[in-house]
């Protein structure tokens, strides 16, 4: 008996370690691996989409001609498959997810990766220092080819993953509207509504502490490198080279921290009235110090969230079942000169809910949608996705005017329609209302008809 007791005491640390190792999703510090058991598979790829020749090249956003490239424009493709449903998230270092690009890219990705066109989310960072899209131009044709290549690569590298989530903050964003005497003017307004949160999803296969893919979400116009003012040398007319602005810098920073072994994708939030905090008259164009500040601020926030999320306590909160559900619809919105069609989409990956709008929603849209969802899902509200209708101002913004509502093509009544329809789409994918899970034959038949019509419409 004495010998047995001595043996037990001498092995107790190892016994404790093995006990921890047997706990689901616990990291062993010795090798950085952890157990992943899940129904979800994922594959990701990134491709360079920079035009081949940048010589007096016209860029959009704040229009100017640029020569040379500071940093490459890239596209990311993340393909997800839960065993029944396949979906894709596509991110672009461009100003817009143009309507004709979305249609053509979805067709190419379906062909290369087997993702139904209606299950593909295509989002732009809203970069103001990149090209416009013409499907017949050399760059337009090259972009579609490269997206197809990325989709094919991602589909060829699918592996079992689970999903982690974290949040942090950035420090460089600020509201650009201030109401003075009942009228909205262009002003850097630290007291205006703002959303500095950074939301991060990491997709892990458990083979190391390096994620297969990272999806980061932040809220700020990527216009560091655009028009300045006459009192702000050296770039009063805007930065003279092509760039992916701060989202590109942040993605590169994250990938650098993982030795180039992960793929990072950027989703823009409701940034219609949020811009970089660069004081001037009314603001200045950034220089190299500014862009490094922003890129490393966002990239650092993402890396902090990623690192926290693989501590053993965090890993133990991860699930092992991530059903994918997608719903979308095209709504007719009231415009100032007629009706405007807009695609809205809901994509749910386990508990994580992405809701998209095809344009530039003001920051309050994100807050309102999150309040509507409450604790039913983890919301990630995405702008600049699946088309482009311009500024999506709140109804209240029209009462005081200003750049966003004045230049919007939409009428104030569009807000209620957008919020109501996105809430309805959320109901369909969250699945906690009776109609979404009822097994009554009539309800099942109705859901199947809605899904068939949705996929047919997206072709």
Protein backbone atom coordinates (compact mmCIF):
# COMPACT_ATOMS: atom_id res chain seq x y z
CA UNK A 1 0.00 0.00 0.00
CA UNK A 2 2.83 2.38 0.87
CA UNK A 3 4.44 1.84 -2.51
CA UNK A 4 1.17 2.50 -4.27
CA UNK A 5 0.73 5.77 -2.36
CA UNK A 6 4.24 6.94 -3.27
CA UNK A 7 3.63 6.16 -6.92
CA UNK A 8 0.38 8.10 -6.98
CA UNK A 9 2.01 11.14 -5.35
CA UNK A 10 4.91 11.14 -7.80
CA UNK A 11 2.63 10.94 -10.83
CA UNK A 12 -0.03 13.38 -9.62
CA UNK A 13 1.20 16.36 -11.73
CA UNK A 14 1.23 14.17 -14.84
CA UNK A 15 -2.16 12.77 -13.88
CA UNK A 16 -3.52 16.30 -13.57
CA UNK A 17 -2.08 17.23 -16.96
CA UNK A 18 -3.59 14.18 -18.60
CA UNK A 19 -6.91 14.97 -16.95
CA UNK A 20 -6.80 18.47 -18.44
CA UNK A 21 -5.83 17.01 -21.79
CA UNK A 22 -8.95 14.93 -21.71
CA UNK A 23 -11.11 18.01 -21.25
CA UNK A 24 -12.69 19.11 -24.52
CA UNK A 25 -10.85 21.88 -26.34
CA UNK A 26 -8.00 22.31 -23.84
CA UNK A 27 -4.63 23.46 -25.16
CA UNK A 28 -1.50 21.53 -24.17
CA UNK A 29 1.17 24.19 -23.81
CA UNK A 30 3.85 21.65 -24.71
CA UNK A 31 2.92 21.60 -28.38
CA UNK A 32 0.13 24.15 -28.86
CA UNK A 33 -2.33 21.63 -30.23
CA UNK A 34 -5.91 21.16 -29.10
CA UNK A 35 -8.74 18.82 -29.91
CA UNK A 36 -11.19 19.94 -32.59
CA UNK A 37 -14.35 17.90 -33.12
CA UNK A 38 -16.92 19.66 -35.24
CA UNK A 39 -19.35 19.34 -38.13
CA UNK A 40 -17.81 22.43 -39.77
CA UNK A 41 -15.10 22.44 -42.42
CA UNK A 42 -13.34 25.53 -43.74
CA UNK A 43 -10.78 26.50 -46.35
CA UNK A 44 -9.36 29.92 -47.11
CA UNK A 45 -7.21 31.58 -49.77
CA UNK A 46 -5.94 35.08 -50.54
CA UNK A 47 -4.94 36.48 -53.94
CA UNK A 48 -3.32 39.68 -55.12
CA UNK A 49 -5.78 41.73 -57.20
CA UNK A 50 -3.60 44.79 -57.82
CA UNK A 51 -3.77 46.01 -61.44
CA UNK A 52 -0.73 44.92 -63.43
CA UNK A 53 0.27 48.43 -64.49
CA UNK A 54 -0.32 51.46 -62.27
CA UNK A 55 0.77 54.50 -64.28
CA UNK A 56 -1.46 57.57 -63.97
CA UNK A 57 -4.16 55.09 -63.00
CA UNK A 58 -7.58 56.53 -62.02
CA UNK A 59 -8.74 55.45 -58.57
CA UNK A 60 -12.23 55.89 -57.18
CA UNK A 61 -13.58 57.06 -53.87
CA UNK A 62 -11.80 60.36 -53.86
CA UNK A 63 -10.94 60.45 -57.54
CA UNK A 64 -7.36 61.07 -58.57
CA UNK A 65 -4.66 59.48 -60.72
CA UNK A 66 -1.95 57.44 -59.00
CA UNK A 67 1.36 56.01 -60.11
CA UNK A 68 2.95 53.06 -58.36
CA UNK A 69 1.75 50.85 -55.52
CA UNK A 70 2.41 51.31 -51.81
CA UNK A 71 0.90 47.96 -50.83
CA UNK A 72 -1.07 45.34 -52.78
CA UNK A 73 -4.83 45.08 -53.07
CA UNK A 74 -6.01 41.59 -52.17
CA UNK A 75 -9.12 39.44 -52.13
CA UNK A 76 -9.90 36.73 -49.61
CA UNK A 77 -12.19 33.73 -49.99
CA UNK A 78 -13.38 31.70 -47.00
CA UNK A 79 -15.46 28.62 -47.80
CA UNK A 80 -17.51 26.96 -45.08
CA UNK A 81 -19.37 23.64 -45.13
CA UNK A 82 -21.43 22.16 -42.30
CA UNK A 83 -22.10 18.86 -44.07
CA UNK A 84 -25.40 20.04 -45.52
CA UNK A 85 -24.88 23.67 -46.54
CA UNK A 86 -21.90 25.31 -48.22
CA UNK A 87 -21.34 29.06 -48.03
CA UNK A 88 -18.58 31.54 -48.78
CA UNK A 89 -17.38 34.90 -47.51
CA UNK A 90 -15.44 36.96 -50.04
CA UNK A 91 -13.61 40.15 -49.08
CA UNK A 92 -12.16 42.76 -51.42
CA UNK A 93 -9.75 45.68 -50.92
CA UNK A 94 -12.00 47.80 -53.15
CA UNK A 95 -14.38 50.70 -52.71
CA UNK A 96 -17.50 48.69 -53.51
CA UNK A 97 -19.04 45.30 -54.05
CA UNK A 98 -20.45 46.44 -57.38
CA UNK A 99 -23.72 44.86 -58.51
CA UNK A 100 -22.32 43.45 -61.75
CA UNK A 101 -19.20 42.17 -59.98
CA UNK A 102 -21.29 40.38 -57.36
CA UNK A 103 -23.31 38.57 -60.01
CA UNK A 104 -20.30 37.52 -62.08
CA UNK A 105 -18.13 36.59 -59.10
CA UNK A 106 -20.84 34.44 -57.58
CA UNK A 107 -21.20 32.52 -60.81
CA UNK A 108 -17.43 31.98 -61.02
CA UNK A 109 -17.15 30.87 -57.39
CA UNK A 110 -20.06 28.46 -57.74
CA UNK A 111 -18.36 26.91 -60.74
CA UNK A 112 -14.95 26.62 -59.07
CA UNK A 113 -15.96 25.71 -55.51
CA UNK A 114 -19.51 24.35 -55.58
CA UNK A 115 -20.99 27.13 -53.43
CA UNK A 116 -24.56 28.05 -54.43
CA UNK A 117 -24.62 31.63 -55.67
CA UNK A 118 -27.21 32.65 -53.08
CA UNK A 119 -24.91 31.49 -50.27
CA UNK A 120 -22.01 33.75 -51.22
CA UNK A 121 -21.41 36.98 -49.30
CA UNK A 122 -19.21 39.46 -51.19
CA UNK A 123 -18.03 42.47 -49.21
CA UNK A 124 -15.72 45.40 -49.92
CA UNK A 125 -13.53 47.21 -47.40
CA UNK A 126 -14.61 50.52 -49.02
CA UNK A 127 -11.01 51.39 -49.86
CA UNK A 128 -10.76 54.86 -51.45
CA UNK A 129 -7.41 54.23 -53.15
CA UNK A 130 -8.25 51.45 -55.60
CA UNK A 131 -9.73 51.01 -59.08
CA UNK A 132 -13.31 51.07 -60.27
CA UNK A 133 -14.84 47.96 -61.85
CA UNK A 134 -15.65 47.38 -65.49
CA UNK A 135 -16.22 43.71 -66.36
CA UNK A 136 -14.82 44.28 -69.86
CA UNK A 137 -11.63 46.01 -68.71
CA UNK A 138 -8.36 44.10 -68.33
CA UNK A 139 -8.47 44.59 -64.55
CA UNK A 140 -12.13 43.56 -64.35
CA UNK A 141 -11.49 40.31 -66.22
CA UNK A 142 -8.37 39.65 -64.17
CA UNK A 143 -10.27 40.23 -60.91
CA UNK A 144 -12.87 37.62 -61.80
CA UNK A 145 -10.19 35.12 -62.83
CA UNK A 146 -8.29 35.63 -59.59
CA UNK A 147 -11.43 35.25 -57.49
CA UNK A 148 -12.08 31.96 -59.25
CA UNK A 149 -8.53 30.85 -58.51
CA UNK A 150 -8.87 31.75 -54.83
CA UNK A 151 -12.18 29.91 -54.54
CA UNK A 152 -10.68 26.81 -56.11
CA UNK A 153 -7.70 26.95 -53.76
CA UNK A 154 -9.92 27.41 -50.70
CA UNK A 155 -12.18 24.50 -51.69
CA UNK A 156 -9.13 22.25 -52.14
CA UNK A 157 -7.91 22.94 -48.60
CA UNK A 158 -11.03 22.26 -46.54
CA UNK A 159 -10.45 20.93 -43.03
CA UNK A 160 -12.44 20.38 -39.84
CA UNK A 161 -12.50 23.53 -37.70
CA UNK A 162 -14.19 25.09 -34.74
CA UNK A 163 -14.76 28.79 -34.25
CA UNK A 164 -13.58 31.27 -31.64
CA UNK A 165 -14.79 34.82 -31.09
CA UNK A 166 -13.25 37.85 -29.41
CA UNK A 167 -13.51 41.61 -29.22
CA UNK A 168 -11.11 44.51 -28.75
CA UNK A 169 -11.04 48.19 -29.77
CA UNK A 170 -9.42 50.64 -32.16
CA UNK A 171 -8.47 54.22 -31.33
CA UNK A 172 -8.42 55.99 -34.71
CA UNK A 173 -12.09 56.26 -35.70
CA UNK A 174 -14.36 59.26 -35.13
CA UNK A 175 -17.78 60.53 -36.18
CA UNK A 176 -17.63 63.13 -38.96
CA UNK A 177 -20.98 64.91 -38.37
CA UNK A 178 -21.87 67.60 -35.86
CA UNK A 179 -25.23 69.31 -35.59
CA UNK A 180 -24.90 73.07 -35.04
CA UNK A 181 -28.00 75.24 -34.86
CA UNK A 182 -30.15 72.45 -36.29
CA UNK A 183 -27.86 71.77 -39.25
CA UNK A 184 -25.31 68.96 -39.75
CA UNK A 185 -21.85 70.13 -40.77
CA UNK A 186 -18.63 68.27 -41.61
CA UNK A 187 -16.68 68.13 -38.36
CA UNK A 188 -14.58 65.60 -36.49
CA UNK A 189 -16.92 65.00 -33.58
CA UNK A 190 -15.62 62.98 -30.62
CA UNK A 191 -19.03 63.28 -28.98
CA UNK A 192 -20.90 61.81 -31.96
CA UNK A 193 -21.96 58.17 -32.17
CA UNK A 194 -19.09 55.80 -32.92
CA UNK A 195 -18.36 52.09 -32.69
CA UNK A 196 -14.68 51.42 -31.92
CA UNK A 197 -15.21 47.72 -31.32
CA UNK A 198 -13.28 45.13 -33.28
CA UNK A 199 -15.02 41.79 -33.68
CA UNK A 200 -12.89 38.78 -34.55
CA UNK A 201 -13.73 35.25 -35.67
CA UNK A 202 -10.97 32.65 -35.81
CA UNK A 203 -11.33 29.29 -37.54
CA UNK A 204 -9.04 26.62 -36.03
CA UNK A 205 -8.12 23.07 -36.98
CA UNK A 206 -6.34 22.55 -33.65
CA UNK A 207 -3.05 21.54 -35.22
CA UNK A 208 -1.34 24.65 -33.86
CA UNK A 209 -2.14 28.02 -32.31
CA UNK A 210 -2.19 29.52 -35.80
CA UNK A 211 -5.75 29.85 -37.16
CA UNK A 212 -6.71 28.54 -40.58
CA UNK A 213 -8.47 31.85 -41.21
CA UNK A 214 -9.31 35.09 -39.41
CA UNK A 215 -12.30 37.34 -40.09
CA UNK A 216 -11.98 40.83 -38.57
CA UNK A 217 -14.76 43.40 -38.45
CA UNK A 218 -14.28 47.11 -37.75
CA UNK A 219 -16.09 50.38 -38.41
CA UNK A 220 -14.25 53.21 -40.19
CA UNK A 221 -13.94 54.69 -43.68
CA UNK A 222 -10.68 53.56 -45.33
CA UNK A 223 -9.88 57.07 -46.52
CA UNK A 224 -6.57 57.72 -44.78
CA UNK A 225 -4.90 58.27 -48.13
CA UNK A 226 -7.44 60.50 -49.83
CA UNK A 227 -7.83 64.23 -50.36
CA UNK A 228 -6.30 66.44 -47.77
CA UNK A 229 -6.39 70.19 -47.40
CA UNK A 230 -4.07 72.93 -48.64
CA UNK A 231 -2.52 73.29 -45.21
CA UNK A 232 -1.46 69.66 -44.93
CA UNK A 233 1.64 68.78 -46.90
CA UNK A 234 3.03 66.54 -48.23
CA UNK A 235 -0.21 65.22 -49.84
CA UNK A 236 -2.81 68.01 -50.08
CA UNK A 237 -4.26 66.37 -53.22
CA UNK A 238 -4.32 62.83 -51.87
CA UNK A 239 -1.74 60.07 -51.63
CA UNK A 240 -0.11 59.56 -55.06
CA UNK A 241 0.11 55.74 -55.02
CA UNK A 242 -2.36 52.85 -54.96
CA UNK A 243 -2.98 51.29 -51.55
CA UNK A 244 -5.37 49.04 -49.63
CA UNK A 245 -5.46 51.68 -46.86
CA UNK A 246 -5.72 50.64 -43.20
CA UNK A 247 -7.66 47.37 -43.77
CA UNK A 248 -4.85 46.12 -46.01
CA UNK A 249 -2.20 47.22 -43.52
CA UNK A 250 -4.06 45.47 -40.70
CA UNK A 251 -4.52 42.23 -42.61
CA UNK A 252 -0.81 42.16 -43.43
CA UNK A 253 0.05 42.82 -39.79
CA UNK A 254 -2.08 39.92 -38.58
CA UNK A 255 -0.63 37.55 -41.18
CA UNK A 256 2.90 38.66 -40.27
CA UNK A 257 2.25 37.84 -36.60
CA UNK A 258 1.42 34.26 -37.65
CA UNK A 259 4.39 33.90 -39.97
CA UNK A 260 2.27 34.12 -43.10
CA UNK A 261 0.49 30.88 -42.18
CA UNK A 262 -3.04 32.25 -41.77
CA UNK A 263 -5.45 34.07 -44.07
CA UNK A 264 -7.02 37.27 -42.75
CA UNK A 265 -10.20 38.80 -44.16
CA UNK A 266 -11.67 42.23 -43.38
CA UNK A 267 -15.38 43.06 -43.11
CA UNK A 268 -16.45 46.70 -42.95
CA UNK A 269 -19.23 47.67 -40.57
CA UNK A 270 -21.67 50.58 -40.55
CA UNK A 271 -19.10 53.25 -41.39
CA UNK A 272 -21.24 55.70 -43.37
CA UNK A 273 -20.49 58.58 -40.97
CA UNK A 274 -17.27 57.27 -39.37
CA UNK A 275 -13.82 58.27 -40.66
CA UNK A 276 -10.18 58.42 -39.49
CA UNK A 277 -9.38 60.99 -36.84
CA UNK A 278 -7.02 63.15 -38.91
CA UNK A 279 -7.59 66.81 -37.96
CA UNK A 280 -7.35 69.49 -40.64
CA UNK A 281 -9.60 71.78 -42.67
CA UNK A 282 -11.79 69.78 -42.30
CA UNK A 283 -9.27 66.92 -42.25
CA UNK A 284 -5.95 65.98 -43.78
CA UNK A 285 -4.52 63.20 -45.90
CA UNK A 286 -2.51 60.62 -43.97
CA UNK A 287 1.21 60.07 -44.19
CA UNK A 288 3.23 56.92 -43.52
CA UNK A 289 3.15 57.36 -39.75
CA UNK A 290 -0.64 57.66 -39.79
CA UNK A 291 -1.25 54.51 -41.82
CA UNK A 292 1.14 52.50 -39.67
CA UNK A 293 -0.68 53.76 -36.58
CA UNK A 294 -4.07 52.67 -37.89
CA UNK A 295 -2.96 49.38 -39.44
CA UNK A 296 -1.08 48.31 -36.35
CA UNK A 297 -3.81 49.58 -34.04
CA UNK A 298 -6.42 47.43 -35.78
CA UNK A 299 -4.00 44.58 -36.40
CA UNK A 300 -2.86 44.66 -32.78
CA UNK A 301 -6.45 44.62 -31.54
CA UNK A 302 -7.16 41.59 -33.73
CA UNK A 303 -4.03 39.75 -32.59
CA UNK A 304 -4.85 40.45 -28.93
CA UNK A 305 -8.35 39.05 -29.39
CA UNK A 306 -6.99 36.02 -31.26
CA UNK A 307 -4.40 35.28 -28.61
CA UNK A 308 -6.86 35.51 -25.72
CA UNK A 309 -9.27 33.24 -27.50
CA UNK A 310 -7.03 30.15 -27.42
CA UNK A 311 -6.41 30.17 -23.70
CA UNK A 312 -7.85 26.98 -22.22
CA UNK A 313 -10.69 28.81 -20.48
CA UNK A 314 -11.79 30.34 -23.77
CA UNK A 315 -11.40 27.11 -25.72
CA UNK A 316 -13.68 25.32 -23.28
CA UNK A 317 -16.51 27.66 -24.28
CA UNK A 318 -16.39 26.68 -27.96
CA UNK A 319 -19.06 24.51 -29.45
CA UNK A 320 -18.77 21.47 -31.68
CA UNK A 321 -21.84 22.07 -33.84
CA UNK A 322 -21.96 25.00 -36.26
CA UNK A 323 -24.95 24.82 -38.57
CA UNK A 324 -24.83 27.22 -41.52
CA UNK A 325 -28.04 28.97 -42.43
CA UNK A 326 -28.44 31.60 -45.15
CA UNK A 327 -31.37 33.81 -46.04
CA UNK A 328 -31.56 36.76 -48.37
CA UNK A 329 -34.06 38.92 -50.17
CA UNK A 330 -34.20 41.80 -52.60
CA UNK A 331 -36.28 44.66 -51.23
CA UNK A 332 -37.69 47.63 -53.12
CA UNK A 333 -36.72 50.79 -51.26
CA UNK A 334 -38.21 54.25 -51.69
CA UNK A 335 -35.76 56.55 -53.42
CA UNK A 336 -35.71 60.26 -54.04
CA UNK A 337 -36.43 59.73 -57.73
CA UNK A 338 -37.95 56.24 -57.80
CA UNK A 339 -37.72 52.75 -56.34
CA UNK A 340 -34.29 51.20 -55.64
CA UNK A 341 -33.68 47.48 -55.29
CA UNK A 342 -31.31 46.28 -52.61
CA UNK A 343 -30.17 42.81 -51.57
CA UNK A 344 -30.12 42.07 -47.85
CA UNK A 345 -28.56 38.88 -46.48
CA UNK A 346 -28.30 36.93 -43.24
CA UNK A 347 -25.55 34.33 -42.83
CA UNK A 348 -25.38 32.39 -39.57
CA UNK A 349 -22.41 30.18 -38.65
CA UNK A 350 -23.30 28.48 -35.38
CA UNK A 351 -24.03 31.35 -32.96
CA UNK A 352 -22.47 34.03 -35.17
CA UNK A 353 -24.87 36.09 -37.27
CA UNK A 354 -23.75 38.28 -40.18
CA UNK A 355 -26.33 40.75 -41.51
CA UNK A 356 -25.45 42.69 -44.67
CA UNK A 357 -26.48 45.89 -46.41
CA UNK A 358 -25.45 46.93 -49.95
CA UNK A 359 -24.12 50.39 -49.32
CA UNK A 360 -22.91 52.81 -46.67
CA UNK A 361 -25.07 52.51 -43.53
CA UNK A 362 -24.58 55.12 -40.85
CA UNK A 363 -23.24 53.78 -37.58
CA UNK A 364 -26.62 53.83 -35.82
CA UNK A 365 -27.85 50.99 -38.05
CA UNK A 366 -25.44 48.64 -36.36
CA UNK A 367 -26.58 49.64 -32.88
CA UNK A 368 -30.27 49.33 -33.77
CA UNK A 369 -29.85 45.87 -35.33
CA UNK A 370 -27.86 44.62 -32.37
CA UNK A 371 -30.57 45.79 -29.98
CA UNK A 372 -33.18 44.02 -32.08
CA UNK A 373 -31.21 40.76 -32.00
CA UNK A 374 -30.51 41.08 -28.26
CA UNK A 375 -29.09 37.80 -26.91
CA UNK A 376 -30.35 35.56 -29.72
CA UNK A 377 -27.03 35.48 -31.59
CA UNK A 378 -23.62 37.16 -31.75
CA UNK A 379 -24.26 39.94 -34.31
CA UNK A 380 -21.80 41.19 -36.91
CA UNK A 381 -23.38 43.93 -39.03
CA UNK A 382 -21.73 44.34 -42.43
CA UNK A 383 -22.01 47.22 -44.88
CA UNK A 384 -20.71 47.53 -48.45
CA UNK A 385 -21.81 43.99 -49.30
CA UNK A 386 -23.64 42.28 -52.17
CA UNK A 387 -24.17 45.41 -54.23
CA UNK A 388 -24.11 49.15 -53.74
CA UNK A 389 -26.94 51.67 -53.36
CA UNK A 390 -24.84 54.52 -51.92
CA UNK A 391 -25.37 56.09 -48.53
CA UNK A 392 -27.92 54.48 -46.21
CA UNK A 393 -28.74 57.31 -43.85
CA UNK A 394 -31.01 57.07 -40.83
CA UNK A 395 -34.41 58.72 -41.07
CA UNK A 396 -33.35 61.14 -38.34
CA UNK A 397 -30.33 62.30 -40.33
CA UNK A 398 -32.58 63.77 -43.04
CA UNK A 399 -34.05 66.18 -40.50
CA UNK A 400 -30.69 67.96 -40.05
CA UNK A 401 -29.23 67.25 -43.48
CA UNK A 402 -25.51 66.94 -44.11
CA UNK A 403 -23.42 65.06 -46.62
CA UNK A 404 -24.74 61.53 -46.07
CA UNK A 405 -28.52 62.11 -46.33
CA UNK A 406 -28.12 64.86 -48.92
CA UNK A 407 -26.16 62.62 -51.31
CA UNK A 408 -28.12 59.44 -50.55
CA UNK A 409 -30.35 58.11 -53.31
CA UNK A 410 -32.78 56.80 -50.70
CA UNK A 411 -35.73 58.46 -49.01
CA UNK A 412 -35.96 58.57 -45.20
CA UNK A 413 -38.63 55.84 -45.21
CA UNK A 414 -36.03 53.30 -46.39
CA UNK A 415 -34.66 52.85 -42.86
CA UNK A 416 -37.75 51.14 -41.45
CA UNK A 417 -37.97 48.77 -44.43
CA UNK A 418 -34.30 47.78 -44.14
CA UNK A 419 -34.43 47.19 -40.39
CA UNK A 420 -37.69 45.24 -40.60
CA UNK A 421 -36.47 43.00 -43.42
CA UNK A 422 -33.11 42.28 -41.79
CA UNK A 423 -34.95 41.34 -38.60
CA UNK A 424 -37.14 38.98 -40.61
CA UNK A 425 -34.09 37.41 -42.26
CA UNK A 426 -32.49 37.03 -38.83
CA UNK A 427 -35.59 35.16 -37.66
CA UNK A 428 -35.20 32.72 -40.53
CA UNK A 429 -31.58 31.86 -39.82
CA UNK A 430 -31.52 32.09 -36.02
CA UNK A 431 -34.30 29.53 -36.01
CA UNK A 432 -35.90 30.36 -32.67
CA UNK A 433 -39.31 31.42 -33.97
CA UNK A 434 -41.94 28.76 -34.57
CA UNK A 435 -42.10 29.11 -38.34
CA UNK A 436 -38.36 28.47 -38.66
CA UNK A 437 -38.33 25.07 -36.94
CA UNK A 438 -41.88 23.74 -37.20
CA UNK A 439 -42.08 20.22 -38.64
CA UNK A 440 -45.65 20.64 -39.80
CA UNK A 441 -45.75 19.67 -43.49
CA UNK A 442 -47.19 23.03 -44.51
CA UNK A 443 -44.39 24.92 -42.73
CA UNK A 444 -41.71 22.63 -44.16
CA UNK A 445 -43.13 23.05 -47.66
CA UNK A 446 -43.26 26.82 -47.25
CA UNK A 447 -39.63 27.00 -46.11
CA UNK A 448 -38.50 24.81 -48.99
CA UNK A 449 -40.34 27.02 -51.48
CA UNK A 450 -38.79 30.17 -50.03
CA UNK A 451 -35.30 28.66 -50.19
CA UNK A 452 -35.76 27.44 -53.76
CA UNK A 453 -37.00 30.86 -54.86
CA UNK A 454 -34.06 32.56 -53.10
CA UNK A 455 -31.45 30.39 -54.80
CA UNK A 456 -33.17 30.67 -58.18
CA UNK A 457 -33.28 34.47 -57.91
CA UNK A 458 -29.59 34.69 -57.11
CA UNK A 459 -28.49 32.94 -60.32
